[in-house]
N, C-alpha and C. Protein backbone atom coordinates (compact mmCIF):
# COMPACT_ATOMS: atom_id res chain seq x y z
N MET A 1 126.19 43.79 330.06
CA MET A 1 127.04 42.91 329.24
C MET A 1 126.44 41.52 329.22
N ALA A 2 126.53 40.85 328.08
CA ALA A 2 125.97 39.52 327.93
C ALA A 2 126.70 38.53 328.84
N ASP A 3 126.02 37.41 329.13
CA ASP A 3 126.66 36.33 329.88
C ASP A 3 127.93 35.91 329.16
N GLN A 4 129.02 35.75 329.91
CA GLN A 4 130.33 35.49 329.29
C GLN A 4 130.83 34.08 329.57
N GLN A 5 129.94 33.15 329.88
CA GLN A 5 130.36 31.79 330.18
C GLN A 5 130.98 31.09 328.98
N ASP A 6 130.70 31.57 327.77
CA ASP A 6 131.26 30.94 326.58
C ASP A 6 132.60 31.54 326.16
N VAL A 7 133.17 32.41 327.00
CA VAL A 7 134.44 33.08 326.72
C VAL A 7 135.53 32.49 327.62
N TRP A 8 136.69 32.22 327.03
CA TRP A 8 137.84 31.75 327.80
C TRP A 8 139.03 32.68 327.59
N LEU A 9 139.58 33.18 328.69
CA LEU A 9 140.81 33.96 328.64
C LEU A 9 142.01 33.03 328.78
N VAL A 10 142.97 33.15 327.88
CA VAL A 10 144.20 32.36 327.90
C VAL A 10 145.33 33.29 328.31
N VAL A 11 145.97 33.00 329.44
CA VAL A 11 146.97 33.89 330.01
C VAL A 11 148.31 33.15 330.13
N PRO A 12 149.28 33.47 329.27
CA PRO A 12 150.62 32.89 329.44
C PRO A 12 151.34 33.55 330.62
N VAL A 13 151.96 32.75 331.46
CA VAL A 13 152.55 33.27 332.70
C VAL A 13 153.98 32.78 332.84
N TYR A 14 154.89 33.71 333.06
CA TYR A 14 156.28 33.34 333.38
C TYR A 14 156.80 34.30 334.45
N ASN A 15 156.93 33.78 335.65
CA ASN A 15 157.45 34.55 336.79
C ASN A 15 156.68 35.86 336.99
N GLU A 16 155.37 35.73 337.20
CA GLU A 16 154.51 36.90 337.39
C GLU A 16 153.86 36.90 338.79
N ALA A 17 154.57 36.34 339.79
CA ALA A 17 153.99 36.22 341.13
C ALA A 17 153.60 37.58 341.72
N THR A 18 154.27 38.63 341.30
CA THR A 18 154.00 39.97 341.84
C THR A 18 152.59 40.44 341.51
N VAL A 19 152.07 40.06 340.34
CA VAL A 19 150.80 40.66 339.88
C VAL A 19 149.73 39.66 339.47
N ILE A 20 150.06 38.39 339.26
CA ILE A 20 149.13 37.49 338.58
C ILE A 20 147.82 37.30 339.33
N ALA A 21 147.85 37.24 340.65
CA ALA A 21 146.61 37.03 341.40
C ALA A 21 145.64 38.18 341.16
N GLY A 22 146.14 39.40 341.20
CA GLY A 22 145.27 40.56 340.98
C GLY A 22 144.73 40.61 339.57
N VAL A 23 145.58 40.27 338.58
CA VAL A 23 145.15 40.27 337.18
C VAL A 23 144.03 39.26 336.98
N VAL A 24 144.18 38.06 337.51
CA VAL A 24 143.15 37.03 337.34
C VAL A 24 141.88 37.41 338.07
N GLN A 25 141.99 37.88 339.29
CA GLN A 25 140.80 38.23 340.06
C GLN A 25 140.01 39.33 339.38
N GLU A 26 140.68 40.33 338.83
CA GLU A 26 139.99 41.40 338.13
C GLU A 26 139.31 40.88 336.87
N ALA A 27 140.00 40.04 336.11
CA ALA A 27 139.42 39.50 334.89
C ALA A 27 138.20 38.64 335.18
N ARG A 28 138.25 37.86 336.25
CA ARG A 28 137.17 36.92 336.54
C ARG A 28 135.90 37.59 337.06
N LYS A 29 135.98 38.87 337.37
CA LYS A 29 134.75 39.60 337.71
C LYS A 29 133.81 39.66 336.52
N THR A 30 134.39 39.65 335.31
CA THR A 30 133.59 39.71 334.08
C THR A 30 133.63 38.40 333.31
N PHE A 31 134.81 37.77 333.28
CA PHE A 31 135.00 36.55 332.50
C PHE A 31 135.41 35.43 333.46
N PRO A 32 134.47 34.60 333.86
CA PRO A 32 134.77 33.59 334.89
C PRO A 32 135.75 32.50 334.45
N ASN A 33 135.85 32.28 333.14
CA ASN A 33 136.70 31.20 332.65
C ASN A 33 138.07 31.72 332.23
N VAL A 34 139.05 31.43 333.05
CA VAL A 34 140.43 31.87 332.79
C VAL A 34 141.34 30.65 332.93
N VAL A 35 142.18 30.41 331.93
CA VAL A 35 143.21 29.39 332.05
C VAL A 35 144.57 30.07 331.97
N CYS A 36 145.38 29.85 332.99
CA CYS A 36 146.74 30.37 333.02
C CYS A 36 147.71 29.23 332.70
N VAL A 37 148.61 29.48 331.79
CA VAL A 37 149.64 28.50 331.46
C VAL A 37 150.94 28.96 332.11
N ASP A 38 151.31 28.27 333.18
CA ASP A 38 152.55 28.60 333.88
C ASP A 38 153.71 28.01 333.09
N ASP A 39 154.47 28.88 332.46
CA ASP A 39 155.50 28.47 331.50
C ASP A 39 156.85 28.30 332.19
N GLY A 40 156.90 27.37 333.16
CA GLY A 40 158.15 27.08 333.83
C GLY A 40 158.57 28.11 334.86
N SER A 41 157.61 28.80 335.48
CA SER A 41 157.94 29.83 336.48
C SER A 41 158.68 29.23 337.68
N LYS A 42 159.55 30.05 338.27
CA LYS A 42 160.31 29.63 339.45
C LYS A 42 159.96 30.45 340.69
N ASP A 43 158.92 31.29 340.59
CA ASP A 43 158.67 32.26 341.66
C ASP A 43 157.36 32.03 342.42
N GLY A 44 156.77 30.87 342.29
CA GLY A 44 155.52 30.61 343.01
C GLY A 44 154.28 31.08 342.28
N SER A 45 154.39 31.44 341.01
CA SER A 45 153.22 31.88 340.25
C SER A 45 152.12 30.82 340.26
N ALA A 46 152.49 29.55 340.13
CA ALA A 46 151.50 28.48 340.03
C ALA A 46 150.61 28.42 341.26
N ASP A 47 151.17 28.55 342.45
CA ASP A 47 150.37 28.51 343.68
C ASP A 47 149.38 29.66 343.73
N LEU A 48 149.81 30.83 343.30
CA LEU A 48 148.92 31.99 343.29
C LEU A 48 147.80 31.80 342.27
N ILE A 49 148.10 31.20 341.14
CA ILE A 49 147.07 30.94 340.13
C ILE A 49 146.03 29.98 340.68
N ARG A 50 146.48 28.92 341.34
CA ARG A 50 145.54 27.96 341.93
C ARG A 50 144.57 28.65 342.87
N ARG A 51 145.10 29.54 343.71
CA ARG A 51 144.25 30.20 344.71
C ARG A 51 143.35 31.28 344.10
N SER A 52 143.66 31.70 342.88
CA SER A 52 142.89 32.78 342.24
C SER A 52 141.58 32.31 341.64
N GLY A 53 141.42 30.99 341.49
CA GLY A 53 140.21 30.46 340.87
C GLY A 53 140.35 30.16 339.39
N ALA A 54 141.51 30.47 338.81
CA ALA A 54 141.75 30.17 337.39
C ALA A 54 142.11 28.70 337.23
N HIS A 55 141.91 28.19 336.02
CA HIS A 55 142.44 26.88 335.66
C HIS A 55 143.95 27.02 335.47
N LEU A 56 144.67 25.98 335.82
CA LEU A 56 146.13 26.02 335.73
C LEU A 56 146.64 24.86 334.88
N VAL A 57 147.46 25.20 333.87
CA VAL A 57 148.21 24.22 333.09
C VAL A 57 149.68 24.61 333.22
N ARG A 58 150.55 23.61 333.37
CA ARG A 58 151.96 23.94 333.63
C ARG A 58 152.88 23.33 332.58
N HIS A 59 153.85 24.12 332.14
CA HIS A 59 155.00 23.61 331.39
C HIS A 59 156.12 23.36 332.40
N PRO A 60 156.74 22.20 332.38
CA PRO A 60 157.81 21.93 333.35
C PRO A 60 159.03 22.83 333.16
N VAL A 61 159.24 23.31 331.93
CA VAL A 61 160.34 24.24 331.65
C VAL A 61 159.79 25.40 330.83
N ASN A 62 160.53 26.49 330.80
CA ASN A 62 160.11 27.66 330.03
C ASN A 62 160.27 27.40 328.54
N LEU A 63 159.14 27.45 327.81
CA LEU A 63 159.15 27.20 326.37
C LEU A 63 158.97 28.47 325.55
N GLY A 64 158.38 29.51 326.13
CA GLY A 64 158.15 30.75 325.41
C GLY A 64 156.67 31.07 325.29
N GLN A 65 156.39 32.33 325.00
CA GLN A 65 155.00 32.81 325.00
C GLN A 65 154.15 32.13 323.93
N GLY A 66 154.73 31.91 322.75
CA GLY A 66 153.96 31.25 321.70
C GLY A 66 153.50 29.86 322.12
N ALA A 67 154.40 29.10 322.72
CA ALA A 67 154.05 27.76 323.18
C ALA A 67 153.00 27.80 324.28
N ALA A 68 153.12 28.77 325.18
CA ALA A 68 152.14 28.89 326.27
C ALA A 68 150.75 29.23 325.73
N ILE A 69 150.70 30.12 324.74
CA ILE A 69 149.40 30.46 324.15
C ILE A 69 148.79 29.24 323.47
N GLN A 70 149.58 28.50 322.71
CA GLN A 70 149.06 27.31 322.02
C GLN A 70 148.53 26.29 323.03
N THR A 71 149.27 26.06 324.10
CA THR A 71 148.83 25.13 325.14
C THR A 71 147.52 25.59 325.76
N GLY A 72 147.43 26.88 326.05
CA GLY A 72 146.22 27.42 326.67
C GLY A 72 145.01 27.33 325.76
N VAL A 73 145.20 27.63 324.47
CA VAL A 73 144.09 27.55 323.52
C VAL A 73 143.62 26.10 323.38
N GLU A 74 144.57 25.16 323.33
CA GLU A 74 144.19 23.75 323.22
C GLU A 74 143.38 23.31 324.44
N TYR A 75 143.77 23.77 325.61
CA TYR A 75 143.00 23.44 326.82
C TYR A 75 141.61 24.07 326.76
N ALA A 76 141.56 25.35 326.42
CA ALA A 76 140.28 26.07 326.45
C ALA A 76 139.30 25.55 325.41
N ARG A 77 139.80 25.24 324.21
CA ARG A 77 138.88 24.82 323.15
C ARG A 77 138.28 23.44 323.43
N ALA A 78 138.87 22.69 324.36
CA ALA A 78 138.33 21.38 324.74
C ALA A 78 137.24 21.48 325.81
N GLN A 79 137.01 22.69 326.35
CA GLN A 79 136.03 22.85 327.42
C GLN A 79 134.62 22.98 326.84
N PRO A 80 133.63 22.34 327.46
CA PRO A 80 132.25 22.41 326.97
C PRO A 80 131.75 23.85 326.90
N GLY A 81 131.14 24.20 325.79
CA GLY A 81 130.53 25.52 325.64
C GLY A 81 131.47 26.63 325.24
N ALA A 82 132.75 26.35 325.10
CA ALA A 82 133.72 27.40 324.74
C ALA A 82 133.51 27.84 323.30
N GLN A 83 133.29 29.15 323.09
CA GLN A 83 133.03 29.68 321.76
C GLN A 83 133.95 30.84 321.40
N TYR A 84 134.43 31.58 322.40
CA TYR A 84 135.27 32.75 322.15
C TYR A 84 136.51 32.65 323.03
N PHE A 85 137.64 33.09 322.47
CA PHE A 85 138.93 32.89 323.12
C PHE A 85 139.72 34.20 323.09
N VAL A 86 140.40 34.46 324.18
CA VAL A 86 141.13 35.73 324.34
C VAL A 86 142.56 35.43 324.75
N THR A 87 143.54 36.03 324.07
CA THR A 87 144.91 35.99 324.57
C THR A 87 145.13 37.26 325.38
N PHE A 88 145.54 37.08 326.63
CA PHE A 88 145.52 38.16 327.61
C PHE A 88 146.81 38.12 328.41
N ASP A 89 147.53 39.24 328.47
CA ASP A 89 148.82 39.27 329.15
C ASP A 89 148.68 39.18 330.67
N ALA A 90 149.71 38.61 331.30
CA ALA A 90 149.69 38.38 332.75
C ALA A 90 150.20 39.56 333.56
N ASP A 91 150.75 40.58 332.89
CA ASP A 91 151.46 41.64 333.63
C ASP A 91 150.61 42.86 333.95
N GLY A 92 149.30 42.80 333.66
CA GLY A 92 148.41 43.90 334.00
C GLY A 92 148.29 44.97 332.94
N GLN A 93 148.85 44.77 331.76
CA GLN A 93 148.79 45.80 330.72
C GLN A 93 147.42 45.84 330.02
N HIS A 94 146.75 44.72 329.92
CA HIS A 94 145.48 44.66 329.18
C HIS A 94 144.29 45.00 330.06
N GLN A 95 143.26 45.56 329.44
CA GLN A 95 142.09 46.04 330.16
C GLN A 95 140.89 45.15 329.86
N VAL A 96 140.19 44.74 330.91
CA VAL A 96 139.02 43.87 330.76
C VAL A 96 137.94 44.55 329.93
N GLU A 97 137.79 45.86 330.07
CA GLU A 97 136.77 46.59 329.30
C GLU A 97 137.02 46.46 327.80
N ASP A 98 138.29 46.47 327.39
CA ASP A 98 138.61 46.30 325.98
C ASP A 98 138.20 44.91 325.49
N VAL A 99 138.45 43.90 326.32
CA VAL A 99 138.05 42.54 325.95
C VAL A 99 136.55 42.46 325.74
N GLY A 100 135.80 43.10 326.61
CA GLY A 100 134.34 43.08 326.49
C GLY A 100 133.87 43.61 325.15
N ARG A 101 134.44 44.72 324.70
CA ARG A 101 134.06 45.28 323.41
C ARG A 101 134.45 44.36 322.27
N MET A 102 135.61 43.77 322.36
CA MET A 102 136.10 42.91 321.29
C MET A 102 135.25 41.64 321.17
N VAL A 103 134.88 41.06 322.31
CA VAL A 103 134.00 39.89 322.28
C VAL A 103 132.66 40.26 321.67
N GLN A 104 132.13 41.42 322.06
CA GLN A 104 130.84 41.83 321.53
C GLN A 104 130.87 42.01 320.02
N ARG A 105 131.98 42.49 319.51
CA ARG A 105 132.10 42.62 318.05
C ARG A 105 132.01 41.26 317.36
N LEU A 106 132.62 40.24 317.95
CA LEU A 106 132.52 38.91 317.37
C LEU A 106 131.09 38.39 317.43
N ARG A 107 130.38 38.75 318.48
CA ARG A 107 128.98 38.32 318.59
C ARG A 107 128.11 39.03 317.55
N ASP A 108 128.44 40.27 317.24
CA ASP A 108 127.56 41.10 316.40
C ASP A 108 127.98 41.19 314.94
N GLU A 109 129.27 41.00 314.64
CA GLU A 109 129.78 41.26 313.30
C GLU A 109 130.30 39.98 312.65
N PRO A 110 130.35 39.95 311.33
CA PRO A 110 130.87 38.77 310.62
C PRO A 110 132.40 38.74 310.63
N LEU A 111 132.97 38.54 311.82
CA LEU A 111 134.42 38.51 312.00
C LEU A 111 134.81 37.21 312.67
N ASP A 112 136.05 36.77 312.39
CA ASP A 112 136.60 35.58 313.03
C ASP A 112 137.59 35.93 314.14
N ILE A 113 138.26 37.08 314.00
CA ILE A 113 139.27 37.48 314.97
C ILE A 113 139.33 39.00 315.03
N VAL A 114 139.47 39.53 316.24
CA VAL A 114 139.65 40.97 316.46
C VAL A 114 140.97 41.17 317.17
N VAL A 115 141.81 42.03 316.63
CA VAL A 115 143.14 42.29 317.16
C VAL A 115 143.16 43.70 317.75
N GLY A 116 143.72 43.84 318.93
CA GLY A 116 143.83 45.16 319.54
C GLY A 116 144.86 46.02 318.85
N THR A 117 144.63 47.33 318.86
CA THR A 117 145.63 48.27 318.32
C THR A 117 145.84 49.42 319.30
N ARG A 118 147.10 49.74 319.52
CA ARG A 118 147.47 50.89 320.35
C ARG A 118 147.49 52.18 319.55
N PHE A 119 147.43 52.07 318.21
CA PHE A 119 147.66 53.23 317.36
C PHE A 119 146.34 53.89 316.99
N HIS A 120 145.77 54.56 317.98
CA HIS A 120 144.55 55.34 317.79
C HIS A 120 144.66 56.56 318.69
N GLY A 121 144.29 57.70 318.19
CA GLY A 121 144.37 58.91 319.00
C GLY A 121 145.80 59.22 319.40
N ASP A 122 145.97 59.70 320.63
CA ASP A 122 147.29 60.09 321.14
C ASP A 122 148.12 58.84 321.43
N THR A 123 149.30 58.75 320.84
CA THR A 123 150.17 57.58 321.07
C THR A 123 151.41 57.94 321.88
N GLU A 124 151.42 59.15 322.46
CA GLU A 124 152.61 59.58 323.20
C GLU A 124 152.87 58.73 324.44
N HIS A 125 151.81 58.05 324.95
CA HIS A 125 151.99 57.21 326.14
C HIS A 125 152.74 55.92 325.82
N ILE A 126 152.84 55.59 324.53
CA ILE A 126 153.56 54.38 324.13
C ILE A 126 155.05 54.69 324.12
N PRO A 127 155.86 53.89 324.82
CA PRO A 127 157.31 54.15 324.83
C PRO A 127 157.87 54.25 323.42
N PHE A 128 158.82 55.17 323.24
CA PHE A 128 159.32 55.48 321.90
C PHE A 128 159.81 54.25 321.16
N ILE A 129 160.58 53.39 321.83
CA ILE A 129 161.15 52.23 321.15
C ILE A 129 160.04 51.32 320.64
N LYS A 130 158.96 51.19 321.41
CA LYS A 130 157.84 50.36 320.96
C LYS A 130 157.16 50.98 319.75
N ARG A 131 156.93 52.29 319.80
CA ARG A 131 156.30 52.96 318.64
C ARG A 131 157.14 52.77 317.39
N PHE A 132 158.44 52.99 317.53
CA PHE A 132 159.34 52.88 316.39
C PHE A 132 159.33 51.47 315.81
N VAL A 133 159.48 50.47 316.68
CA VAL A 133 159.55 49.09 316.21
C VAL A 133 158.25 48.68 315.55
N LEU A 134 157.12 48.94 316.21
CA LEU A 134 155.84 48.46 315.69
C LEU A 134 155.46 49.13 314.37
N LYS A 135 155.75 50.42 314.24
CA LYS A 135 155.46 51.10 312.98
C LYS A 135 156.39 50.61 311.87
N THR A 136 157.65 50.31 312.24
CA THR A 136 158.59 49.79 311.25
C THR A 136 158.16 48.41 310.78
N VAL A 137 157.67 47.58 311.70
CA VAL A 137 157.20 46.25 311.33
C VAL A 137 156.08 46.34 310.31
N VAL A 138 155.13 47.25 310.53
CA VAL A 138 154.03 47.42 309.58
C VAL A 138 154.56 47.87 308.23
N MET A 139 155.51 48.79 308.23
CA MET A 139 156.08 49.30 306.99
C MET A 139 156.77 48.19 306.20
N LEU A 140 157.42 47.25 306.91
CA LEU A 140 158.19 46.21 306.26
C LEU A 140 157.35 45.00 305.84
N SER A 141 156.16 44.87 306.39
CA SER A 141 155.37 43.66 306.18
C SER A 141 154.26 43.85 305.16
N PRO A 142 154.37 43.26 303.98
CA PRO A 142 153.28 43.34 303.00
C PRO A 142 151.99 42.71 303.52
N THR A 143 152.12 41.66 304.34
CA THR A 143 150.93 40.99 304.87
C THR A 143 150.15 41.90 305.79
N LEU A 144 150.84 42.60 306.68
CA LEU A 144 150.16 43.53 307.59
C LEU A 144 149.45 44.63 306.81
N ARG A 145 150.12 45.15 305.78
CA ARG A 145 149.51 46.21 305.00
C ARG A 145 148.30 45.69 304.24
N LYS A 146 148.39 44.49 303.72
CA LYS A 146 147.26 43.90 302.99
C LYS A 146 146.06 43.70 303.91
N LEU A 147 146.31 43.26 305.14
CA LEU A 147 145.23 43.03 306.10
C LEU A 147 144.77 44.32 306.77
N GLU A 148 145.50 45.42 306.53
CA GLU A 148 145.22 46.72 307.13
C GLU A 148 145.29 46.66 308.66
N LEU A 149 146.31 45.96 309.15
CA LEU A 149 146.56 45.87 310.58
C LEU A 149 147.67 46.85 310.96
N THR A 150 147.47 47.57 312.05
CA THR A 150 148.43 48.59 312.45
C THR A 150 149.25 48.21 313.67
N ASP A 151 148.88 47.11 314.34
CA ASP A 151 149.55 46.78 315.61
C ASP A 151 149.48 45.27 315.85
N ALA A 152 150.03 44.50 314.92
CA ALA A 152 149.86 43.05 314.97
C ALA A 152 150.61 42.40 316.13
N HIS A 153 151.55 43.11 316.76
CA HIS A 153 152.26 42.54 317.90
C HIS A 153 151.61 42.94 319.22
N ASN A 154 150.38 43.40 319.16
CA ASN A 154 149.58 43.60 320.37
C ASN A 154 149.11 42.22 320.84
N GLY A 155 149.38 41.88 322.08
CA GLY A 155 149.04 40.55 322.58
C GLY A 155 147.58 40.33 322.87
N LEU A 156 146.76 41.38 322.79
CA LEU A 156 145.34 41.25 323.08
C LEU A 156 144.60 40.90 321.78
N ARG A 157 144.11 39.66 321.72
CA ARG A 157 143.37 39.17 320.55
C ARG A 157 142.15 38.41 321.04
N VAL A 158 141.06 38.49 320.29
CA VAL A 158 139.86 37.73 320.60
C VAL A 158 139.43 37.01 319.33
N PHE A 159 139.12 35.72 319.44
CA PHE A 159 138.77 34.97 318.23
C PHE A 159 137.74 33.89 318.53
N THR A 160 137.15 33.40 317.45
CA THR A 160 136.08 32.42 317.55
C THR A 160 136.64 31.01 317.65
N LYS A 161 135.73 30.05 317.89
CA LYS A 161 136.15 28.65 317.96
C LYS A 161 136.68 28.16 316.61
N LYS A 162 136.15 28.71 315.53
CA LYS A 162 136.68 28.36 314.21
C LYS A 162 138.18 28.61 314.15
N VAL A 163 138.62 29.77 314.64
CA VAL A 163 140.04 30.09 314.66
C VAL A 163 140.78 29.22 315.67
N ALA A 164 140.20 29.07 316.86
CA ALA A 164 140.85 28.28 317.91
C ALA A 164 141.10 26.85 317.44
N ASP A 165 140.13 26.26 316.77
CA ASP A 165 140.27 24.87 316.31
C ASP A 165 141.36 24.73 315.26
N ASP A 166 141.62 25.80 314.53
CA ASP A 166 142.59 25.76 313.44
C ASP A 166 143.94 26.37 313.82
N LEU A 167 144.02 26.92 315.02
CA LEU A 167 145.25 27.61 315.42
C LEU A 167 146.35 26.59 315.69
N ASN A 168 147.50 26.82 315.10
CA ASN A 168 148.64 25.90 315.26
C ASN A 168 149.92 26.72 315.32
N ILE A 169 150.20 27.28 316.48
CA ILE A 169 151.40 28.09 316.67
C ILE A 169 152.58 27.16 316.86
N THR A 170 153.58 27.27 315.99
CA THR A 170 154.77 26.44 316.09
C THR A 170 156.01 27.22 316.48
N LEU A 171 155.91 28.56 316.49
CA LEU A 171 157.03 29.40 316.93
C LEU A 171 156.84 29.70 318.41
N ASN A 172 157.70 29.14 319.24
CA ASN A 172 157.49 29.21 320.68
C ASN A 172 157.69 30.60 321.27
N GLY A 173 158.59 31.38 320.67
CA GLY A 173 158.93 32.68 321.24
C GLY A 173 158.06 33.80 320.72
N MET A 174 158.63 35.03 320.66
CA MET A 174 157.84 36.20 320.26
C MET A 174 157.45 36.18 318.78
N GLY A 175 158.10 35.32 318.00
CA GLY A 175 157.74 35.21 316.59
C GLY A 175 156.34 34.70 316.35
N HIS A 176 155.68 34.21 317.41
CA HIS A 176 154.32 33.70 317.24
C HIS A 176 153.37 34.79 316.74
N ALA A 177 153.63 36.05 317.08
CA ALA A 177 152.73 37.12 316.65
C ALA A 177 152.73 37.25 315.13
N SER A 178 153.90 37.19 314.52
CA SER A 178 153.99 37.23 313.06
C SER A 178 153.35 36.00 312.45
N GLN A 179 153.51 34.86 313.11
CA GLN A 179 152.92 33.63 312.59
C GLN A 179 151.39 33.70 312.60
N ILE A 180 150.81 34.30 313.64
CA ILE A 180 149.36 34.45 313.69
C ILE A 180 148.88 35.33 312.55
N VAL A 181 149.62 36.41 312.26
CA VAL A 181 149.26 37.27 311.12
C VAL A 181 149.27 36.48 309.83
N GLU A 182 150.29 35.65 309.65
CA GLU A 182 150.37 34.84 308.43
C GLU A 182 149.20 33.86 308.34
N MET A 183 148.80 33.29 309.47
CA MET A 183 147.66 32.38 309.46
C MET A 183 146.38 33.11 309.11
N ILE A 184 146.22 34.34 309.60
CA ILE A 184 145.03 35.14 309.24
C ILE A 184 144.94 35.29 307.73
N ALA A 185 146.07 35.64 307.12
CA ALA A 185 146.08 35.86 305.67
C ALA A 185 145.90 34.56 304.90
N ARG A 186 146.62 33.54 305.30
CA ARG A 186 146.62 32.28 304.55
C ARG A 186 145.29 31.55 304.65
N ARG A 187 144.66 31.61 305.80
CA ARG A 187 143.44 30.85 306.02
C ARG A 187 142.17 31.67 305.81
N GLY A 188 142.36 32.93 305.47
CA GLY A 188 141.21 33.76 305.12
C GLY A 188 140.31 34.10 306.28
N TRP A 189 140.86 34.15 307.49
CA TRP A 189 140.05 34.55 308.63
C TRP A 189 139.67 36.02 308.50
N ARG A 190 138.44 36.33 308.78
CA ARG A 190 137.96 37.71 308.70
C ARG A 190 138.43 38.45 309.94
N VAL A 191 139.20 39.52 309.73
CA VAL A 191 139.88 40.18 310.84
C VAL A 191 139.43 41.63 310.95
N GLY A 192 139.36 42.10 312.18
CA GLY A 192 139.11 43.51 312.46
C GLY A 192 140.05 43.99 313.54
N GLU A 193 140.19 45.30 313.65
CA GLU A 193 141.00 45.91 314.71
C GLU A 193 140.11 46.67 315.68
N GLU A 194 140.52 46.70 316.93
CA GLU A 194 139.79 47.44 317.95
C GLU A 194 140.77 48.30 318.75
N PRO A 195 140.51 49.61 318.86
CA PRO A 195 141.38 50.44 319.70
C PRO A 195 141.36 49.97 321.15
N VAL A 196 142.53 49.79 321.73
CA VAL A 196 142.63 49.34 323.11
C VAL A 196 143.64 50.22 323.85
N THR A 197 143.55 50.16 325.17
CA THR A 197 144.46 50.91 326.02
C THR A 197 145.43 49.94 326.68
N ILE A 198 146.71 50.19 326.54
CA ILE A 198 147.74 49.39 327.19
C ILE A 198 148.26 50.20 328.39
N LEU A 199 148.20 49.58 329.55
CA LEU A 199 148.64 50.26 330.77
C LEU A 199 150.12 49.94 331.00
N TYR A 200 150.97 50.92 330.72
CA TYR A 200 152.40 50.72 330.92
C TYR A 200 152.77 51.13 332.35
N THR A 201 153.30 50.19 333.10
CA THR A 201 153.77 50.46 334.46
C THR A 201 155.26 50.15 334.53
N GLU A 202 155.89 50.58 335.61
CA GLU A 202 157.31 50.25 335.77
C GLU A 202 157.51 48.74 335.75
N TYR A 203 156.57 48.02 336.37
CA TYR A 203 156.67 46.56 336.42
C TYR A 203 156.57 45.96 335.02
N SER A 204 155.54 46.34 334.26
CA SER A 204 155.34 45.74 332.94
C SER A 204 156.47 46.11 331.99
N MET A 205 156.99 47.33 332.10
CA MET A 205 158.08 47.72 331.23
C MET A 205 159.35 46.94 331.56
N ALA A 206 159.61 46.71 332.85
CA ALA A 206 160.78 45.93 333.23
C ALA A 206 160.66 44.50 332.74
N LYS A 207 159.45 43.94 332.81
CA LYS A 207 159.24 42.56 332.34
C LYS A 207 159.33 42.48 330.82
N GLY A 208 158.91 43.55 330.14
CA GLY A 208 158.82 43.51 328.69
C GLY A 208 160.14 43.52 327.97
N GLN A 209 161.21 44.03 328.60
CA GLN A 209 162.53 44.11 327.97
C GLN A 209 162.40 44.69 326.56
N SER A 210 161.90 45.93 326.49
CA SER A 210 161.50 46.54 325.22
C SER A 210 162.56 46.46 324.14
N MET A 211 163.81 46.80 324.48
CA MET A 211 164.85 46.84 323.46
C MET A 211 165.11 45.46 322.87
N ILE A 212 165.22 44.45 323.74
CA ILE A 212 165.51 43.10 323.27
C ILE A 212 164.35 42.58 322.42
N ASN A 213 163.12 42.72 322.93
CA ASN A 213 161.97 42.26 322.17
C ASN A 213 161.84 43.02 320.85
N GLY A 214 162.14 44.32 320.88
CA GLY A 214 162.04 45.12 319.67
C GLY A 214 162.99 44.63 318.59
N VAL A 215 164.23 44.34 318.97
CA VAL A 215 165.20 43.82 318.02
C VAL A 215 164.74 42.46 317.48
N ASN A 216 164.23 41.61 318.36
CA ASN A 216 163.77 40.29 317.93
C ASN A 216 162.61 40.40 316.95
N ILE A 217 161.67 41.31 317.22
CA ILE A 217 160.52 41.49 316.35
C ILE A 217 160.97 41.96 314.97
N LEU A 218 161.85 42.96 314.94
CA LEU A 218 162.34 43.46 313.66
C LEU A 218 163.11 42.39 312.89
N PHE A 219 163.95 41.64 313.59
CA PHE A 219 164.72 40.58 312.94
C PHE A 219 163.79 39.53 312.35
N ASP A 220 162.78 39.14 313.12
CA ASP A 220 161.82 38.14 312.66
C ASP A 220 161.07 38.64 311.42
N THR A 221 160.67 39.90 311.44
CA THR A 221 159.94 40.47 310.31
C THR A 221 160.80 40.50 309.05
N LEU A 222 162.07 40.92 309.21
CA LEU A 222 162.97 40.96 308.05
C LEU A 222 163.20 39.56 307.48
N LEU A 223 163.38 38.57 308.35
CA LEU A 223 163.58 37.20 307.88
C LEU A 223 162.38 36.71 307.09
N ARG A 224 161.19 36.96 307.62
CA ARG A 224 159.98 36.46 306.96
C ARG A 224 159.71 37.21 305.65
N THR A 225 160.00 38.49 305.65
CA THR A 225 159.81 39.26 304.42
C THR A 225 160.75 38.77 303.32
N ASN A 226 162.00 38.57 303.66
CA ASN A 226 162.98 38.09 302.68
C ASN A 226 162.68 36.67 302.22
N ALA A 227 162.16 35.83 303.13
CA ALA A 227 161.87 34.45 302.78
C ALA A 227 160.76 34.34 301.75
N ARG A 228 159.86 35.33 301.72
CA ARG A 228 158.74 35.29 300.78
C ARG A 228 159.13 35.82 299.40
N ARG A 229 160.30 36.43 299.29
CA ARG A 229 160.70 37.03 298.01
C ARG A 229 161.23 35.96 297.05
């Protein structure tokens, strides 16, 4: 694998003391530059991040995943030599091997952003509610269909400095994923999809609050679809 000093992983963190040290340590075996944005955690996540070797940025209160990603990207894009940026979950669901392939595609192909997709091959490992919600979102969204994206609410994304410099997430919560899709379409970023593996554990599923997030994603999609009519 090529030298990865020009890659920065951006990890939004909210009360992930159980797993964050292991997630960062595993990622840094391949990608030494990791910035964790502690989004108002109350469980000691920040101390574990400091000891893990990652860069730490803190929000004094919980603002939401969208805000944490924007803060992390702003920090990372200001670092000397930063060329590629990764949004990477703190709960252990994302795989470093997938990131490696996605970064390599940006190095080799005329793309600005690569988005992970869970919808390749056997999808039975994906919890039913997630499958239902994500496929419904694609069905309802003309933008997703136009871009030929099948899993736009996958948190694993890799993008170039061109995208990082222009990224302006203003939706602090889970709606940021739909906003990123809209920015891809509006700003003409060249996008590709990469099959990735999401590791669902009891811990990650409990943190994910699938039903609540699913309802929020569908509601956000319906609002945005109707607003464009």
